[in-house]
Amino acid sequence: MIKPIMKDVLFLSQKAEPATPEDSQTAMDLLDTLKAHENGCVGMVYPTRILGGMPPGEGC
């Protein structure tokens, strides 16, 4: 299922937890969403963006 792109800085700044087999549907949703936006600007958020590497809103 294609999901909206998450842009909430507070949500994205939360500590990640290791994925488990129960997260397989979330992984499939992520792949569907990335494929749906492959011709646009979609990528993963790197800690440097949140920590000051690139100001929020710049780039994609």
PDB file of N, CA and C in Angstrom:
ATOM      1  N   MET A   1       0.839  -1.167   0.000  1.00  0.00           N
ATOM      2  CA  MET A   1       0.000   0.000   0.000  1.00  0.00           C
ATOM      3  C   MET A   1       0.892   1.240   0.000  1.00  0.00           C
ATOM      4  N   ILE A   2       0.598   2.181  -0.862  1.00  0.00           N
ATOM      5  CA  ILE A   2       1.351   3.428  -0.923  1.00  0.00           C
ATOM      6  C   ILE A   2       0.905   4.315   0.230  1.00  0.00           C
ATOM      7  N   LYS A   3       1.873   4.805   0.969  1.00  0.00           N
ATOM      8  CA  LYS A   3       1.619   5.642   2.143  1.00  0.00           C
ATOM      9  C   LYS A   3       2.091   7.072   1.877  1.00  0.00           C
ATOM     10  N   PRO A   4       1.538   8.042   2.622  1.00  0.00           N
ATOM     11  CA  PRO A   4       2.037   9.418   2.500  1.00  0.00           C
ATOM     12  C   PRO A   4       3.484   9.501   2.995  1.00  0.00           C
ATOM     13  N   ILE A   5       4.246  10.425   2.439  1.00  0.00           N
ATOM     14  CA  ILE A   5       5.624  10.629   2.855  1.00  0.00           C
ATOM     15  C   ILE A   5       5.616  11.325   4.222  1.00  0.00           C
ATOM     16  N   MET A   6       6.292  10.743   5.193  1.00  0.00           N
ATOM     17  CA  MET A   6       6.352  11.292   6.545  1.00  0.00           C
ATOM     18  C   MET A   6       7.336  12.455   6.570  1.00  0.00           C
ATOM     19  N   LYS A   7       6.889  13.614   7.044  1.00  0.00           N
ATOM     20  CA  LYS A   7       7.754  14.793   7.130  1.00  0.00           C
ATOM     21  C   LYS A   7       7.795  15.375   8.538  1.00  0.00           C
ATOM     22  N   ASP A   8       7.126  14.747   9.489  1.00  0.00           N
ATOM     23  CA  ASP A   8       7.049  15.249  10.856  1.00  0.00           C
ATOM     24  C   ASP A   8       8.409  15.069  11.543  1.00  0.00           C
ATOM     25  N   VAL A   9       9.102  16.176  11.803  1.00  0.00           N
ATOM     26  CA  VAL A   9      10.449  16.135  12.365  1.00  0.00           C
ATOM     27  C   VAL A   9      10.450  15.473  13.746  1.00  0.00           C
ATOM     28  N   LEU A  10       9.444  15.741  14.563  1.00  0.00           N
ATOM     29  CA  LEU A  10       9.397  15.122  15.889  1.00  0.00           C
ATOM     30  C   LEU A  10       9.255  13.610  15.783  1.00  0.00           C
ATOM     31  N   PHE A  11       8.413  13.145  14.885  1.00  0.00           N
ATOM     32  CA  PHE A  11       8.258  11.699  14.690  1.00  0.00           C
ATOM     33  C   PHE A  11       9.545  11.089  14.160  1.00  0.00           C
ATOM     34  N   LEU A  12      10.137  11.737  13.161  1.00  0.00           N
ATOM     35  CA  LEU A  12      11.338  11.200  12.530  1.00  0.00           C
ATOM     36  C   LEU A  12      12.568  11.248  13.432  1.00  0.00           C
ATOM     37  N   SER A  13      12.532  12.063  14.474  1.00  0.00           N
ATOM     38  CA  SER A  13      13.683  12.158  15.366  1.00  0.00           C
ATOM     39  C   SER A  13      13.640  11.128  16.495  1.00  0.00           C
ATOM     40  N   GLN A  14      12.600  10.317  16.542  1.00  0.00           N
ATOM     41  CA  GLN A  14      12.515   9.279  17.565  1.00  0.00           C
ATOM     42  C   GLN A  14      13.552   8.190  17.309  1.00  0.00           C
ATOM     43  N   LYS A  15      14.011   7.581  18.386  1.00  0.00           N
ATOM     44  CA  LYS A  15      14.968   6.490  18.273  1.00  0.00           C
ATOM     45  C   LYS A  15      14.307   5.306  17.562  1.00  0.00           C
ATOM     46  N   ALA A  16      15.003   4.745  16.610  1.00  0.00           N
ATOM     47  CA  ALA A  16      14.484   3.592  15.864  1.00  0.00           C
ATOM     48  C   ALA A  16      14.655   2.315  16.672  1.00  0.00           C
ATOM     49  N   GLU A  17      13.807   1.354  16.396  1.00  0.00           N
ATOM     50  CA  GLU A  17      13.903   0.034  17.007  1.00  0.00           C
ATOM     51  C   GLU A  17      14.174  -0.981  15.899  1.00  0.00           C
ATOM     52  N   PRO A  18      14.855  -2.069  16.209  1.00  0.00           N
ATOM     53  CA  PRO A  18      15.098  -3.101  15.193  1.00  0.00           C
ATOM     54  C   PRO A  18      13.770  -3.655  14.656  1.00  0.00           C
ATOM     55  N   ALA A  19      13.762  -3.935  13.364  1.00  0.00           N
ATOM     56  CA  ALA A  19      12.576  -4.533  12.750  1.00  0.00           C
ATOM     57  C   ALA A  19      12.455  -5.993  13.175  1.00  0.00           C
ATOM     58  N   THR A  20      11.227  -6.467  13.201  1.00  0.00           N
ATOM     59  CA  THR A  20      10.941  -7.864  13.538  1.00  0.00           C
ATOM     60  C   THR A  20      10.128  -8.466  12.395  1.00  0.00           C
ATOM     61  N   PRO A  21       9.931  -9.764  12.385  1.00  0.00           N
ATOM     62  CA  PRO A  21       9.103 -10.374  11.333  1.00  0.00           C
ATOM     63  C   PRO A  21       7.689  -9.778  11.271  1.00  0.00           C
ATOM     64  N   GLU A  22       7.193  -9.260  12.385  1.00  0.00           N
ATOM     65  CA  GLU A  22       5.862  -8.654  12.385  1.00  0.00           C
ATOM     66  C   GLU A  22       5.823  -7.339  11.615  1.00  0.00           C
ATOM     67  N   ASP A  23       6.981  -6.782  11.289  1.00  0.00           N
ATOM     68  CA  ASP A  23       7.067  -5.519  10.552  1.00  0.00           C
ATOM     69  C   ASP A  23       7.104  -5.730   9.040  1.00  0.00           C
ATOM     70  N   SER A  24       6.902  -6.948   8.569  1.00  0.00           N
ATOM     71  CA  SER A  24       7.042  -7.222   7.134  1.00  0.00           C
ATOM     72  C   SER A  24       6.052  -6.420   6.287  1.00  0.00           C
ATOM     73  N   GLN A  25       4.837  -6.186   6.775  1.00  0.00           N
ATOM     74  CA  GLN A  25       3.874  -5.392   5.992  1.00  0.00           C
ATOM     75  C   GLN A  25       4.338  -3.935   5.895  1.00  0.00           C
ATOM     76  N   THR A  26       4.921  -3.419   6.957  1.00  0.00           N
ATOM     77  CA  THR A  26       5.455  -2.056   6.928  1.00  0.00           C
ATOM     78  C   THR A  26       6.578  -1.956   5.898  1.00  0.00           C
ATOM     79  N   ALA A  27       7.423  -2.972   5.830  1.00  0.00           N
ATOM     80  CA  ALA A  27       8.502  -2.990   4.844  1.00  0.00           C
ATOM     81  C   ALA A  27       7.941  -3.015   3.425  1.00  0.00           C
ATOM     82  N   MET A  28       6.896  -3.795   3.208  1.00  0.00           N
ATOM     83  CA  MET A  28       6.272  -3.846   1.875  1.00  0.00           C
ATOM     84  C   MET A  28       5.645  -2.500   1.530  1.00  0.00           C
ATOM     85  N   ASP A  29       5.005  -1.852   2.509  1.00  0.00           N
ATOM     86  CA  ASP A  29       4.425  -0.522   2.286  1.00  0.00           C
ATOM     87  C   ASP A  29       5.513   0.480   1.917  1.00  0.00           C
ATOM     88  N   LEU A  30       6.661   0.391   2.593  1.00  0.00           N
ATOM     89  CA  LEU A  30       7.768   1.283   2.284  1.00  0.00           C
ATOM     90  C   LEU A  30       8.251   1.072   0.848  1.00  0.00           C
ATOM     91  N   LEU A  31       8.397  -0.169   0.447  1.00  0.00           N
ATOM     92  CA  LEU A  31       8.814  -0.448  -0.938  1.00  0.00           C
ATOM     93  C   LEU A  31       7.792   0.058  -1.946  1.00  0.00           C
ATOM     94  N   ASP A  32       6.509  -0.158  -1.678  1.00  0.00           N
ATOM     95  CA  ASP A  32       5.455   0.338  -2.573  1.00  0.00           C
ATOM     96  C   ASP A  32       5.517   1.853  -2.697  1.00  0.00           C
ATOM     97  N   THR A  33       5.721   2.525  -1.571  1.00  0.00           N
ATOM     98  CA  THR A  33       5.770   3.990  -1.562  1.00  0.00           C
ATOM     99  C   THR A  33       6.997   4.491  -2.316  1.00  0.00           C
ATOM    100  N   LEU A  34       8.154   3.865  -2.080  1.00  0.00           N
ATOM    101  CA  LEU A  34       9.366   4.271  -2.796  1.00  0.00           C
ATOM    102  C   LEU A  34       9.220   4.056  -4.296  1.00  0.00           C
ATOM    103  N   LYS A  35       8.635   2.935  -4.703  1.00  0.00           N
ATOM    104  CA  LYS A  35       8.431   2.663  -6.128  1.00  0.00           C
ATOM    105  C   LYS A  35       7.469   3.668  -6.749  1.00  0.00           C
ATOM    106  N   ALA A  36       6.436   4.065  -6.010  1.00  0.00           N
ATOM    107  CA  ALA A  36       5.458   5.021  -6.528  1.00  0.00           C
ATOM    108  C   ALA A  36       6.071   6.400  -6.748  1.00  0.00           C
ATOM    109  N   HIS A  37       7.147   6.707  -6.037  1.00  0.00           N
ATOM    110  CA  HIS A  37       7.786   8.021  -6.126  1.00  0.00           C
ATOM    111  C   HIS A  37       9.168   7.958  -6.754  1.00  0.00           C
ATOM    112  N   GLU A  38       9.488   6.863  -7.446  1.00  0.00           N
ATOM    113  CA  GLU A  38      10.842   6.701  -7.958  1.00  0.00           C
ATOM    114  C   GLU A  38      11.242   7.758  -8.977  1.00  0.00           C
ATOM    115  N   ASN A  39      10.296   8.390  -9.639  1.00  0.00           N
ATOM    116  CA  ASN A  39      10.625   9.434 -10.607  1.00  0.00           C
ATOM    117  C   ASN A  39      10.673  10.810  -9.975  1.00  0.00           C
ATOM    118  N   GLY A  40      10.339  10.896  -8.705  1.00  0.00           N
ATOM    119  CA  GLY A  40      10.376  12.161  -7.984  1.00  0.00           C
ATOM    120  C   GLY A  40      11.536  12.170  -7.011  1.00  0.00           C
ATOM    121  N   CYS A  41      11.357  12.913  -5.998  1.00  0.00           N
ATOM    122  CA  CYS A  41      12.419  13.063  -5.004  1.00  0.00           C
ATOM    123  C   CYS A  41      12.021  12.350  -3.724  1.00  0.00           C
ATOM    124  N   VAL A  42      12.533  11.164  -3.521  1.00  0.00           N
ATOM    125  CA  VAL A  42      12.251  10.389  -2.319  1.00  0.00           C
ATOM    126  C   VAL A  42      13.549   9.746  -1.884  1.00  0.00           C
ATOM    127  N   GLY A  43      13.775   9.735  -0.598  1.00  0.00           N
ATOM    128  CA  GLY A  43      14.969   9.104  -0.060  1.00  0.00           C
ATOM    129  C   GLY A  43      14.786   8.847   1.416  1.00  0.00           C
ATOM    130  N   MET A  44      15.811   8.387   2.028  1.00  0.00           N
ATOM    131  CA  MET A  44      15.767   8.127   3.452  1.00  0.00           C
ATOM    132  C   MET A  44      16.313   9.339   4.188  1.00  0.00           C
ATOM    133  N   VAL A  45      15.833   9.556   5.385  1.00  0.00           N
ATOM    134  CA  VAL A  45      16.322  10.655   6.211  1.00  0.00           C
ATOM    135  C   VAL A  45      17.575  10.174   6.928  1.00  0.00           C
ATOM    136  N   TYR A  46      18.624  10.945   6.803  1.00  0.00           N
ATOM    137  CA  TYR A  46      19.863  10.624   7.490  1.00  0.00           C
ATOM    138  C   TYR A  46      19.955  11.475   8.747  1.00  0.00           C
ATOM    139  N   PRO A  47      20.586  10.974   9.800  1.00  0.00           N
ATOM    140  CA  PRO A  47      20.711  11.750  11.036  1.00  0.00           C
ATOM    141  C   PRO A  47      21.337  13.123  10.821  1.00  0.00           C
ATOM    142  N   THR A  48      22.217  13.275   9.853  1.00  0.00           N
ATOM    143  CA  THR A  48      22.854  14.580   9.634  1.00  0.00           C
ATOM    144  C   THR A  48      21.838  15.629   9.227  1.00  0.00           C
ATOM    145  N   ARG A  49      20.763  15.230   8.584  1.00  0.00           N
ATOM    146  CA  ARG A  49      19.746  16.211   8.200  1.00  0.00           C
ATOM    147  C   ARG A  49      19.075  16.763   9.453  1.00  0.00           C
ATOM    148  N   ILE A  50      18.741  15.890  10.385  1.00  0.00           N
ATOM    149  CA  ILE A  50      18.080  16.326  11.612  1.00  0.00           C
ATOM    150  C   ILE A  50      19.069  17.055  12.515  1.00  0.00           C
ATOM    151  N   LEU A  51      20.314  16.623  12.510  1.00  0.00           N
ATOM    152  CA  LEU A  51      21.316  17.200  13.401  1.00  0.00           C
ATOM    153  C   LEU A  51      22.019  18.415  12.806  1.00  0.00           C
ATOM    154  N   GLY A  52      21.586  18.855  11.650  1.00  0.00           N
ATOM    155  CA  GLY A  52      22.141  20.094  11.111  1.00  0.00           C
ATOM    156  C   GLY A  52      22.882  19.951   9.801  1.00  0.00           C
ATOM    157  N   GLY A  53      22.959  18.754   9.221  1.00  0.00           N
ATOM    158  CA  GLY A  53      23.661  18.580   7.956  1.00  0.00           C
ATOM    159  C   GLY A  53      22.980  19.293   6.806  1.00  0.00           C
ATOM    160  N   MET A  54      21.666  19.331   6.796  1.00  0.00           N
ATOM    161  CA  MET A  54      20.896  20.019   5.775  1.00  0.00           C
ATOM    162  C   MET A  54      19.661  20.588   6.470  1.00  0.00           C
ATOM    163  N   PRO A  55      19.441  21.897   6.361  1.00  0.00           N
ATOM    164  CA  PRO A  55      18.281  22.481   7.024  1.00  0.00           C
ATOM    165  C   PRO A  55      16.983  21.852   6.521  1.00  0.00           C
ATOM    166  N   PRO A  56      16.017  21.616   7.419  1.00  0.00           N
ATOM    167  CA  PRO A  56      14.729  21.070   7.002  1.00  0.00           C
ATOM    168  C   PRO A  56      14.103  21.948   5.930  1.00  0.00           C
ATOM    169  N   GLY A  57      13.509  21.315   4.944  1.00  0.00           N
ATOM    170  CA  GLY A  57      12.853  22.060   3.867  1.00  0.00           C
ATOM    171  C   GLY A  57      13.737  22.317   2.661  1.00  0.00           C
ATOM    172  N   GLU A  58      15.043  22.131   2.806  1.00  0.00           N
ATOM    173  CA  GLU A  58      15.934  22.306   1.662  1.00  0.00           C
ATOM    174  C   GLU A  58      16.077  20.985   0.938  1.00  0.00           C
ATOM    175  N   GLY A  59      16.402  21.034  -0.302  1.00  0.00           N
ATOM    176  CA  GLY A  59      16.513  19.800  -1.075  1.00  0.00           C
ATOM    177  C   GLY A  59      15.135  19.359  -1.518  1.00  0.00           C
ATOM    178  N   CYS A  60      14.796  18.116  -1.291  1.00  0.00           N
ATOM    179  CA  CYS A  60      13.537  17.554  -1.762  1.00  0.00           C
ATOM    180  C   CYS A  60      12.386  17.922  -0.866  1.00  0.00           C
TER     181      CYS A  60
END
